[in-house]
C-alpha atoms as a PDB file:
ATOM      1  CA  MET A   1      40.285 -10.985   9.868  1.00  0.00           C
ATOM      2  CA  ALA A   2      39.472 -10.622   6.220  1.00  0.00           C
ATOM      3  CA  VAL A   3      41.199 -12.350   3.331  1.00  0.00           C
ATOM      4  CA  THR A   4      41.124 -10.808  -0.123  1.00  0.00           C
ATOM      5  CA  GLY A   5      42.527 -12.058  -3.401  1.00  0.00           C
ATOM      6  CA  ASP A   6      44.347  -9.919  -5.903  1.00  0.00           C
ATOM      7  CA  GLU A   7      42.882 -11.200  -9.174  1.00  0.00           C
ATOM      8  CA  THR A   8      44.731  -8.752 -11.436  1.00  0.00           C
ATOM      9  CA  GLU A   9      48.140 -10.117 -10.499  1.00  0.00           C
ATOM     10  CA  PHE A  10      46.980 -13.663 -11.205  1.00  0.00           C
ATOM     11  CA  ALA A  11      45.783 -12.765 -14.687  1.00  0.00           C
ATOM     12  CA  ALA A  12      48.965 -10.877 -15.557  1.00  0.00           C
ATOM     13  CA  THR A  13      51.598 -13.365 -14.318  1.00  0.00           C
ATOM     14  CA  GLY A  14      49.784 -16.680 -14.585  1.00  0.00           C
ATOM     15  CA  ASP A  15      50.847 -17.537 -11.012  1.00  0.00           C
ATOM     16  CA  MET A  16      48.648 -18.310  -8.082  1.00  0.00           C
ATOM     17  CA  PRO A  17      46.739 -15.261  -6.776  1.00  0.00           C
ATOM     18  CA  THR A  18      48.289 -13.451  -3.822  1.00  0.00           C
ATOM     19  CA  TYR A  19      46.286 -12.897  -0.703  1.00  0.00           C
ATOM     20  CA  GLN A  20      46.552 -10.147   1.866  1.00  0.00           C
ATOM     21  CA  ILE A  21      45.466 -10.404   5.469  1.00  0.00           C
ATOM     22  CA  ARG A  22      43.782  -7.286   6.792  1.00  0.00           C
ATOM     23  CA  THR A  23      43.095  -6.460  10.411  1.00  0.00           C
ATOM     24  CA  PRO A  24      39.467  -5.993  11.416  1.00  0.00           C
ATOM     25  CA  THR A  25      38.223  -2.427  11.672  1.00  0.00           C
ATOM     26  CA  SER A  26      36.133  -3.160  14.775  1.00  0.00           C
ATOM     27  CA  SER A  27      37.284  -1.766  18.115  1.00  0.00           C
ATOM     28  CA  LEU A  28      36.019  -4.844  19.989  1.00  0.00           C
ATOM     29  CA  PRO A  29      38.630  -7.151  21.490  1.00  0.00           C
ATOM     30  CA  GLN A  30      38.893 -10.550  19.837  1.00  0.00           C
ATOM     31  CA  GLY A  31      36.578 -13.199  21.199  1.00  0.00           C
ATOM     32  CA  VAL A  32      33.878 -10.699  22.202  1.00  0.00           C
ATOM     33  CA  VAL A  33      30.545 -11.462  20.615  1.00  0.00           C
ATOM     34  CA  MET A  34      27.941  -8.734  20.342  1.00  0.00           C
ATOM     35  CA  ALA A  35      24.659  -9.827  21.853  1.00  0.00           C
ATOM     36  CA  ALA A  36      21.256  -8.701  20.681  1.00  0.00           C
ATOM     37  CA  SER A  37      19.752  -5.736  22.463  1.00  0.00           C
ATOM     38  CA  PRO A  38      17.801  -6.632  25.615  1.00  0.00           C
ATOM     39  CA  GLY A  39      14.602  -5.274  24.097  1.00  0.00           C
ATOM     40  CA  SER A  40      14.726  -7.808  21.277  1.00  0.00           C
ATOM     41  CA  LEU A  41      14.870 -10.842  23.580  1.00  0.00           C
ATOM     42  CA  HIS A  42      11.295 -11.884  24.357  1.00  0.00           C
ATOM     43  CA  SER A  43       9.768 -14.877  26.008  1.00  0.00           C
ATOM     44  CA  PRO A  44       7.326 -16.970  23.973  1.00  0.00           C
ATOM     45  CA  GLN A  45       4.464 -15.445  25.980  1.00  0.00           C
ATOM     46  CA  GLN A  46       5.635 -11.903  25.136  1.00  0.00           C
ATOM     47  CA  LEU A  47       5.903 -12.838  21.460  1.00  0.00           C
ATOM     48  CA  ALA A  48       2.384 -14.303  21.498  1.00  0.00           C
ATOM     49  CA  ASP A  49       1.039 -11.190  23.240  1.00  0.00           C
ATOM     50  CA  GLU A  50       2.778  -8.973  20.681  1.00  0.00           C
ATOM     51  CA  VAL A  51       1.304 -10.974  17.793  1.00  0.00           C
ATOM     52  CA  THR A  52      -2.147 -10.779  19.373  1.00  0.00           C
ATOM     53  CA  ARG A  53      -1.812  -7.031  19.961  1.00  0.00           C
ATOM     54  CA  LYS A  54      -0.692  -6.434  16.366  1.00  0.00           C
ATOM     55  CA  ARG A  55      -3.542  -8.579  15.029  1.00  0.00           C
ATOM     56  CA  GLU A  56      -6.123  -6.716  17.110  1.00  0.00           C
ATOM     57  CA  HIS A  57      -4.679  -3.384  15.958  1.00  0.00           C
ATOM     58  CA  ARG A  58      -4.813  -4.508  12.319  1.00  0.00           C
ATOM     59  CA  LEU A  59      -8.398  -5.731  12.710  1.00  0.00           C
ATOM     60  CA  MET A  60      -9.409  -2.449  14.346  1.00  0.00           C
ATOM     61  CA  LYS A  61      -7.858  -0.450  11.509  1.00  0.00           C
ATOM     62  CA  ASN A  62      -9.592  -2.713   8.999  1.00  0.00           C
ATOM     63  CA  ARG A  63     -12.970  -2.188  10.724  1.00  0.00           C
ATOM     64  CA  ASP A  64     -12.472   1.570  10.651  1.00  0.00           C
ATOM     65  CA  ALA A  65     -11.501   1.486   6.982  1.00  0.00           C
ATOM     66  CA  ALA A  66     -14.529  -0.679   6.127  1.00  0.00           C
ATOM     67  CA  LYS A  67     -16.815   1.674   8.067  1.00  0.00           C
ATOM     68  CA  GLU A  68     -15.421   4.689   6.189  1.00  0.00           C
ATOM     69  CA  CYS A  69     -15.783   2.836   2.868  1.00  0.00           C
ATOM     70  CA  ARG A  70     -19.455   2.053   3.604  1.00  0.00           C
ATOM     71  CA  ARG A  71     -20.073   5.694   4.571  1.00  0.00           C
ATOM     72  CA  ARG A  72     -18.523   6.960   1.310  1.00  0.00           C
ATOM     73  CA  LYS A  73     -20.528   4.415  -0.692  1.00  0.00           C
ATOM     74  CA  LYS A  74     -23.794   5.547   0.924  1.00  0.00           C
ATOM     75  CA  GLU A  75     -22.910   9.164   0.161  1.00  0.00           C
ATOM     76  CA  TYR A  76     -22.123   8.248  -3.455  1.00  0.00           C
ATOM     77  CA  VAL A  77     -25.397   6.337  -3.858  1.00  0.00           C
ATOM     78  CA  LYS A  78     -27.359   9.272  -2.366  1.00  0.00           C
ATOM     79  CA  CYS A  79     -25.683  11.606  -4.826  1.00  0.00           C
ATOM     80  CA  LEU A  80     -26.574   9.290  -7.729  1.00  0.00           C
ATOM     81  CA  GLU A  81     -30.170   8.967  -6.530  1.00  0.00           C
ATOM     82  CA  SER A  82     -30.443  12.751  -6.306  1.00  0.00           C
ATOM     83  CA  ARG A  83     -29.059  13.113  -9.814  1.00  0.00           C
ATOM     84  CA  VAL A  84     -31.499  10.488 -11.134  1.00  0.00           C
ATOM     85  CA  GLY A  85     -34.356  12.436  -9.560  1.00  0.00           C
ATOM     86  CA  MET A  86     -33.229  15.701 -11.176  1.00  0.00           C
ATOM     87  CA  LEU A  87     -32.769  14.023 -14.568  1.00  0.00           C
ATOM     88  CA  GLU A  88     -36.230  12.425 -14.353  1.00  0.00           C
ATOM     89  CA  VAL A  89     -37.772  15.843 -13.669  1.00  0.00           C
ATOM     90  CA  GLN A  90     -35.784  17.372 -16.546  1.00  0.00           C
ATOM     91  CA  ASN A  91     -36.789  14.509 -18.855  1.00  0.00           C
ATOM     92  CA  LYS A  92     -40.471  14.946 -17.932  1.00  0.00           C
ATOM     93  CA  LYS A  93     -40.268  18.700 -18.673  1.00  0.00           C
ATOM     94  CA  LEU A  94     -38.606  18.045 -22.033  1.00  0.00           C
ATOM     95  CA  ILE A  95     -41.255  15.485 -22.980  1.00  0.00           C
ATOM     96  CA  GLU A  96     -43.984  18.007 -22.060  1.00  0.00           C
ATOM     97  CA  GLU A  97     -42.201  20.700 -24.106  1.00  0.00           C
ATOM     98  CA  LEU A  98     -41.937  18.313 -27.059  1.00  0.00           C
ATOM     99  CA  GLU A  99     -45.661  17.515 -26.834  1.00  0.00           C
ATOM    100  CA  SER A 100     -46.583  21.203 -26.701  1.00  0.00           C
ATOM    101  CA  LEU A 101     -44.385  21.935 -29.740  1.00  0.00           C
ATOM    102  CA  LYS A 102     -46.015  19.064 -31.601  1.00  0.00           C
ATOM    103  CA  ASP A 103     -49.435  20.539 -30.784  1.00  0.00           C
ATOM    104  CA  ILE A 104     -48.344  24.010 -31.957  1.00  0.00           C
ATOM    105  CA  TYR A 105     -46.872  22.874 -35.235  1.00  0.00           C
ATOM    106  CA  GLY A 106     -49.335  20.082 -35.784  1.00  0.00           C
ATOM    107  CA  GLY A 107     -46.667  17.395 -36.010  1.00  0.00           C
ATOM    108  CA  LYS A 108     -45.936  18.366 -39.614  1.00  0.00           C
ATOM    109  CA  THR A 109     -42.550  17.332 -41.052  1.00  0.00           C
ATOM    110  CA  ASN A 110     -41.093  18.734 -44.284  1.00  0.00           C
END
């Protein structure tokens, strides 16, 4: 059963609030208590096994994620090393070009 108060009547008349009794909307007979589903009732051993299984699954996923992270990092570092190598070659060529231009123009500045 549910009890509700009618606050608007109380404010308008200054009397005590009126209450209405409503019948429950459930189709269960009175006195019947709904039990938890059988799948949710576990023994302590089952709960411990479930916790262990979830922990092992989480650790396995973490290992896989760490492995993938290390692989991506190695790939990134290789890419950077390759770029450094190309830039060093380019820098060496530019220095040689600068030296040859200095030789041609005699290093004169105006």
